[in-house]
Amino acid sequence: MIQTALPTAEIVYLEQLVGRLQSGLQQRLVGVYLFGSAAYGDYQPGQSDLDVQAVVASSLSEQERRELAGSLLHQALPCPARRLEFVCYARPCIDPASRPPQFELNLNTGAGETDHLAVDPSGESSHWFLLDIAIGRELGYRLFGPAPATVFAPIPRLWQLEAILDSLRWHREHEAASRNSILNACRGWRYAVTGHWGSKLAGAAWAMRQAGCPVVVEQAIKHQDDALQWTATEVNSLTEIVMEAVQAARLREYNNRSKSAGTSTNASE
């Protein structure tokens, strides 16, 4: 029985999903993990997704990937959340960590959603997958198998900071004035300054306590959907602050690496 603070329908669905993975993959299934808002305490019924990551012992064939995806489509297993975001990895591709992460398949499916299935990582924006792993290995919920931190290798901090920058650029280009872009920026800002991950709302609460925090953050906390409309200029005031903080953290990390490499070289002389 899954022990997590989610509505009953979501818990039953996750149990059925794990059952299908166990039945289809059998001994090759290493673990199944709940990431995202449902695991991090921000789940909003009807608005949030269910983010599930599965790990298999070795790579699947093309046919196996498509059969696995077919068993999880909304038509085959109706998702009570806004949608299911499912990613499957082969263990050798996540331990040691790879950049970009090489998934077996990436599936998005849900009521009213156009199903999206990708089996080629080169066609997807890799920063989302890298950040999901980095956050999920710390905060993810184990549905089956070992703890996520024992299955997913650590993601270097420099990679994480660069992925945050990529995500900020992506939002600026594709989703410049949404609540999600505001909350994602806040979460990245908090990590850049403190080195700690948390939920999007936890990131926004932290940002509110920082000097010069734009008013859009308070508004995004109060309005739990996109009913309040922002302009790209308003959100960009936050993005610029966050990018500056992340760039500064990236430079410090790069300098620390350079110093460590120099120390190691000198020690060997």
Protein backbone atom coordinates (compact mmCIF):
# COMPACT_ATOMS: atom_id res chain seq x y z
CA MET A 1 0.00 0.00 0.00
CA ILE A 2 1.42 3.37 -1.04
CA GLN A 3 1.72 5.67 1.96
CA THR A 4 1.56 9.24 0.68
CA ALA A 5 -0.73 12.22 1.19
CA LEU A 6 -2.53 12.04 -2.14
CA PRO A 7 -6.23 11.60 -2.97
CA THR A 8 -7.43 8.00 -3.00
CA ALA A 9 -7.89 7.94 -6.78
CA GLU A 10 -4.27 8.94 -7.32
CA ILE A 11 -2.99 6.33 -4.86
CA VAL A 12 -5.02 3.56 -6.51
CA TYR A 13 -3.79 4.69 -9.92
CA LEU A 14 -0.14 4.62 -8.86
CA GLU A 15 -0.56 1.14 -7.38
CA GLN A 16 -2.06 -0.06 -10.67
CA LEU A 17 0.73 1.60 -12.64
CA VAL A 18 3.40 -0.11 -10.55
CA GLY A 19 1.57 -3.40 -11.01
CA ARG A 20 1.61 -3.03 -14.78
CA LEU A 21 5.32 -2.24 -14.74
CA GLN A 22 6.04 -5.27 -12.57
CA SER A 23 3.94 -7.51 -14.81
CA GLY A 24 5.47 -6.24 -18.04
CA LEU A 25 9.11 -5.92 -16.95
CA GLN A 26 9.28 -8.58 -14.22
CA GLN A 27 12.83 -9.07 -12.89
CA ARG A 28 14.23 -6.32 -15.09
CA LEU A 29 12.38 -3.64 -13.10
CA VAL A 30 14.80 -2.02 -10.64
CA GLY A 31 12.62 0.72 -9.17
CA VAL A 32 9.65 3.06 -9.64
CA TYR A 33 9.65 6.58 -8.21
CA LEU A 34 7.23 9.45 -7.81
CA PHE A 35 8.82 12.83 -8.53
CA GLY A 36 7.32 16.30 -8.89
CA SER A 37 4.61 18.05 -6.91
CA ALA A 38 2.94 14.80 -5.82
CA ALA A 39 6.12 13.78 -3.99
CA TYR A 40 7.22 17.23 -2.84
CA GLY A 41 4.03 18.35 -1.08
CA ASP A 42 2.58 20.73 -3.70
CA TYR A 43 0.06 18.45 -5.42
CA GLN A 44 -3.14 20.20 -6.54
CA PRO A 45 -5.90 17.81 -7.72
CA GLY A 46 -7.05 18.62 -11.24
CA GLN A 47 -4.07 20.89 -11.92
CA SER A 48 -0.93 18.90 -11.13
CA ASP A 49 0.69 16.09 -13.07
CA LEU A 50 1.87 12.74 -11.75
CA ASP A 51 5.59 12.43 -12.55
CA VAL A 52 6.73 8.82 -12.45
CA GLN A 53 10.23 7.54 -13.18
CA ALA A 54 11.03 3.87 -13.73
CA VAL A 55 14.45 2.25 -13.87
CA VAL A 56 15.21 -1.04 -15.63
CA ALA A 57 18.33 -3.16 -15.37
CA SER A 58 19.26 -2.88 -19.05
CA SER A 59 18.07 -1.26 -22.25
CA LEU A 60 14.74 -2.28 -23.78
CA SER A 61 14.13 -3.11 -27.42
CA GLU A 62 12.13 -0.70 -29.57
CA GLN A 63 9.14 -3.03 -29.45
CA GLU A 64 9.36 -3.38 -25.66
CA ARG A 65 9.43 0.40 -25.24
CA ARG A 66 6.33 0.88 -27.35
CA GLU A 67 4.48 -1.98 -25.65
CA LEU A 68 5.34 -0.52 -22.25
CA ALA A 69 4.11 2.91 -23.32
CA GLY A 70 0.92 1.39 -24.72
CA SER A 71 0.10 -0.22 -21.38
CA LEU A 72 0.30 3.18 -19.65
CA LEU A 73 -1.62 5.33 -22.13
CA HIS A 74 -4.65 7.11 -20.66
CA GLN A 75 -6.93 4.98 -22.83
CA ALA A 76 -5.50 1.83 -21.22
CA LEU A 77 -5.04 3.16 -17.68
CA PRO A 78 -7.02 6.39 -17.06
CA CYS A 79 -4.97 8.94 -15.12
CA PRO A 80 -6.88 10.91 -12.45
CA ALA A 81 -4.36 13.76 -12.55
CA ARG A 82 -4.06 16.33 -15.30
CA ARG A 83 -1.68 13.92 -17.00
CA LEU A 84 0.95 11.26 -16.43
CA GLU A 85 4.54 12.21 -17.18
CA PHE A 86 6.43 8.92 -17.31
CA VAL A 87 10.13 8.42 -17.98
CA CYS A 88 11.99 5.11 -18.07
CA TYR A 89 15.77 4.81 -17.75
CA ALA A 90 18.17 1.90 -18.05
CA ARG A 91 20.32 1.83 -14.93
CA PRO A 92 23.69 2.03 -16.76
CA CYS A 93 22.55 5.39 -18.20
CA ILE A 94 21.91 7.00 -14.79
CA ASP A 95 24.77 5.49 -12.79
CA PRO A 96 27.16 7.05 -13.47
CA ALA A 97 25.24 10.18 -14.36
CA SER A 98 25.15 11.15 -18.02
CA ARG A 99 24.68 14.51 -19.66
CA PRO A 100 22.28 14.66 -21.26
CA PRO A 101 20.33 11.86 -19.52
CA GLN A 102 19.66 9.00 -21.95
CA PHE A 103 16.12 7.72 -21.37
CA GLU A 104 14.48 4.62 -22.79
CA LEU A 105 11.17 6.37 -23.28
CA ASN A 106 9.38 9.57 -22.32
CA LEU A 107 5.56 9.45 -22.28
CA ASN A 108 2.99 12.16 -21.57
CA THR A 109 -0.64 11.08 -21.53
CA GLY A 110 -3.90 12.22 -19.96
CA ALA A 111 -7.54 13.14 -20.50
CA GLY A 112 -7.80 15.86 -23.14
CA GLU A 113 -4.06 15.60 -23.82
CA THR A 114 -2.42 14.65 -27.09
CA ASP A 115 -0.27 11.63 -26.25
CA HIS A 116 3.45 12.28 -26.58
CA LEU A 117 5.91 9.40 -26.84
CA ALA A 118 9.64 9.86 -27.40
CA VAL A 119 12.21 7.07 -27.54
CA ASP A 120 15.07 9.25 -28.79
CA PRO A 121 16.53 11.61 -26.13
CA SER A 122 18.18 13.80 -28.76
CA GLY A 123 14.80 15.23 -29.72
CA GLU A 124 13.90 16.45 -26.23
CA SER A 125 15.05 19.39 -24.07
CA SER A 126 17.56 17.61 -21.85
CA HIS A 127 17.66 20.12 -18.99
CA TRP A 128 14.23 19.02 -17.71
CA PHE A 129 15.35 15.41 -17.33
CA LEU A 130 18.60 16.35 -15.62
CA LEU A 131 16.83 18.63 -13.12
CA ASP A 132 14.13 16.02 -12.45
CA ILE A 133 16.80 13.49 -11.54
CA ALA A 134 18.77 15.96 -9.42
CA ILE A 135 15.70 16.96 -7.42
CA GLY A 136 14.07 13.53 -7.37
CA ARG A 137 17.07 11.65 -5.99
CA GLU A 138 16.85 13.98 -2.97
CA LEU A 139 13.10 14.38 -2.58
CA GLY A 140 11.46 11.63 -4.65
CA TYR A 141 9.07 9.06 -3.20
CA ARG A 142 9.85 5.37 -3.62
CA LEU A 143 6.94 3.42 -5.09
CA PHE A 144 8.95 0.24 -5.64
CA GLY A 145 12.58 -0.78 -5.27
CA PRO A 146 15.55 0.83 -3.48
CA ALA A 147 15.61 4.49 -2.42
CA PRO A 148 16.09 6.86 -5.37
CA ALA A 149 19.43 8.16 -4.08
CA THR A 150 20.85 4.63 -4.29
CA VAL A 151 19.72 4.14 -7.91
CA PHE A 152 20.25 7.57 -9.49
CA ALA A 153 23.86 8.78 -9.31
CA PRO A 154 24.46 12.35 -8.06
CA ILE A 155 24.29 15.12 -10.65
CA PRO A 156 27.27 17.51 -10.42
CA ARG A 157 26.29 20.95 -9.12
CA LEU A 158 27.77 22.66 -12.17
CA TRP A 159 25.50 20.61 -14.45
CA GLN A 160 22.50 21.53 -12.32
CA LEU A 161 23.26 25.24 -12.43
CA GLU A 162 23.72 25.15 -16.20
CA ALA A 163 20.44 23.23 -16.55
CA ILE A 164 18.68 25.93 -14.51
CA LEU A 165 20.00 28.54 -16.93
CA ASP A 166 18.72 26.45 -19.84
CA SER A 167 15.30 26.20 -18.18
CA LEU A 168 15.13 29.97 -17.65
CA ARG A 169 15.97 30.54 -21.32
CA TRP A 170 13.34 27.95 -22.33
CA HIS A 171 10.65 29.68 -20.28
CA ARG A 172 11.62 33.07 -21.68
CA GLU A 173 11.18 31.73 -25.22
CA HIS A 174 8.19 29.41 -24.83
CA GLU A 175 6.32 30.36 -21.65
CA ALA A 176 7.38 33.86 -20.75
CA ALA A 177 4.49 34.92 -18.53
CA SER A 178 3.07 31.86 -16.77
CA ARG A 179 2.79 30.95 -13.11
CA ASN A 180 4.91 27.89 -13.81
CA SER A 181 7.75 30.03 -15.17
CA ILE A 182 7.67 32.16 -12.00
CA LEU A 183 7.70 29.21 -9.62
CA ASN A 184 10.38 27.34 -11.56
CA ALA A 185 12.57 30.43 -11.47
CA CYS A 186 12.12 30.71 -7.69
CA ARG A 187 13.06 27.07 -7.14
CA GLY A 188 16.20 27.49 -9.24
CA TRP A 189 17.08 30.72 -7.42
CA ARG A 190 16.87 29.01 -4.06
CA TYR A 191 19.09 26.14 -5.20
CA ALA A 192 21.69 28.51 -6.66
CA VAL A 193 21.98 30.43 -3.39
CA THR A 194 21.49 27.69 -0.78
CA GLY A 195 22.42 24.46 -2.56
CA HIS A 196 19.10 22.91 -1.46
CA TRP A 197 16.22 21.74 -3.62
CA GLY A 198 12.58 21.90 -2.64
CA SER A 199 9.15 22.21 -4.19
CA LYS A 200 8.25 25.13 -6.43
CA LEU A 201 6.11 26.71 -3.74
CA ALA A 202 8.88 26.26 -1.18
CA GLY A 203 11.17 28.06 -3.60
CA ALA A 204 8.66 30.89 -3.96
CA ALA A 205 8.27 31.20 -0.18
CA TRP A 206 12.07 31.44 0.11
CA ALA A 207 12.23 34.02 -2.69
CA MET A 208 9.68 36.19 -0.88
CA ARG A 209 12.20 36.63 1.93
CA GLN A 210 14.94 37.90 -0.38
CA ALA A 211 15.65 41.60 -0.84
CA GLY A 212 14.28 42.96 -4.10
CA CYS A 213 11.96 40.02 -4.78
CA PRO A 214 9.51 41.10 -7.52
CA VAL A 215 5.81 41.26 -6.66
CA VAL A 216 4.98 38.60 -9.26
CA VAL A 217 6.25 35.96 -6.80
CA GLU A 218 3.70 36.89 -4.12
CA GLN A 219 0.98 36.94 -6.77
CA ALA A 220 1.98 33.50 -8.06
CA ILE A 221 1.77 32.06 -4.54
CA LYS A 222 -1.72 33.48 -4.00
CA HIS A 223 -3.15 32.49 -7.39
CA GLN A 224 -3.02 28.71 -7.83
CA ASP A 225 -3.68 28.80 -11.55
CA ASP A 226 -3.01 31.11 -14.47
CA ALA A 227 -6.20 33.12 -13.94
CA LEU A 228 -4.04 36.15 -13.14
CA GLN A 229 -2.23 37.26 -16.26
CA TRP A 230 1.29 38.64 -16.15
CA THR A 231 3.27 40.33 -18.88
CA ALA A 232 6.60 38.97 -20.10
CA THR A 233 8.21 42.17 -18.82
CA GLU A 234 6.88 41.58 -15.29
CA VAL A 235 8.15 38.00 -15.19
CA ASN A 236 11.43 38.98 -16.80
CA SER A 237 12.22 41.17 -13.79
CA LEU A 238 12.38 37.96 -11.77
CA THR A 239 14.19 36.00 -14.49
CA GLU A 240 17.01 38.56 -14.63
CA ILE A 241 17.55 38.37 -10.85
CA VAL A 242 17.60 34.58 -10.93
CA MET A 243 19.92 34.37 -13.94
CA GLU A 244 22.37 36.70 -12.22
CA ALA A 245 22.32 34.55 -9.06
CA VAL A 246 22.74 31.32 -11.02
CA GLN A 247 25.55 32.75 -13.14
CA ALA A 248 27.36 33.86 -9.98
CA ALA A 249 26.95 30.40 -8.44
CA ARG A 250 28.12 28.78 -11.67
CA LEU A 251 31.25 30.95 -11.72
CA ARG A 252 32.04 30.06 -8.09
CA GLU A 253 31.60 26.38 -8.85
CA TYR A 254 33.80 26.61 -11.93
CA ASN A 255 36.51 28.43 -9.95
CA ASN A 256 36.33 25.86 -7.15
CA ARG A 257 36.77 23.08 -9.68
CA SER A 258 39.75 24.86 -11.24
CA LYS A 259 41.38 25.35 -7.83
CA SER A 260 40.80 21.71 -6.91
CA ALA A 261 42.30 20.55 -10.19
CA GLY A 262 45.30 22.82 -9.64
CA THR A 263 45.78 21.56 -6.10
CA SER A 264 45.66 17.95 -7.30
CA THR A 265 48.22 18.67 -10.03
CA ASN A 266 50.58 20.43 -7.64
CA ALA A 267 50.27 17.65 -5.09
CA SER A 268 51.37 15.11 -7.66
CA GLU A 269 54.47 17.05 -8.70
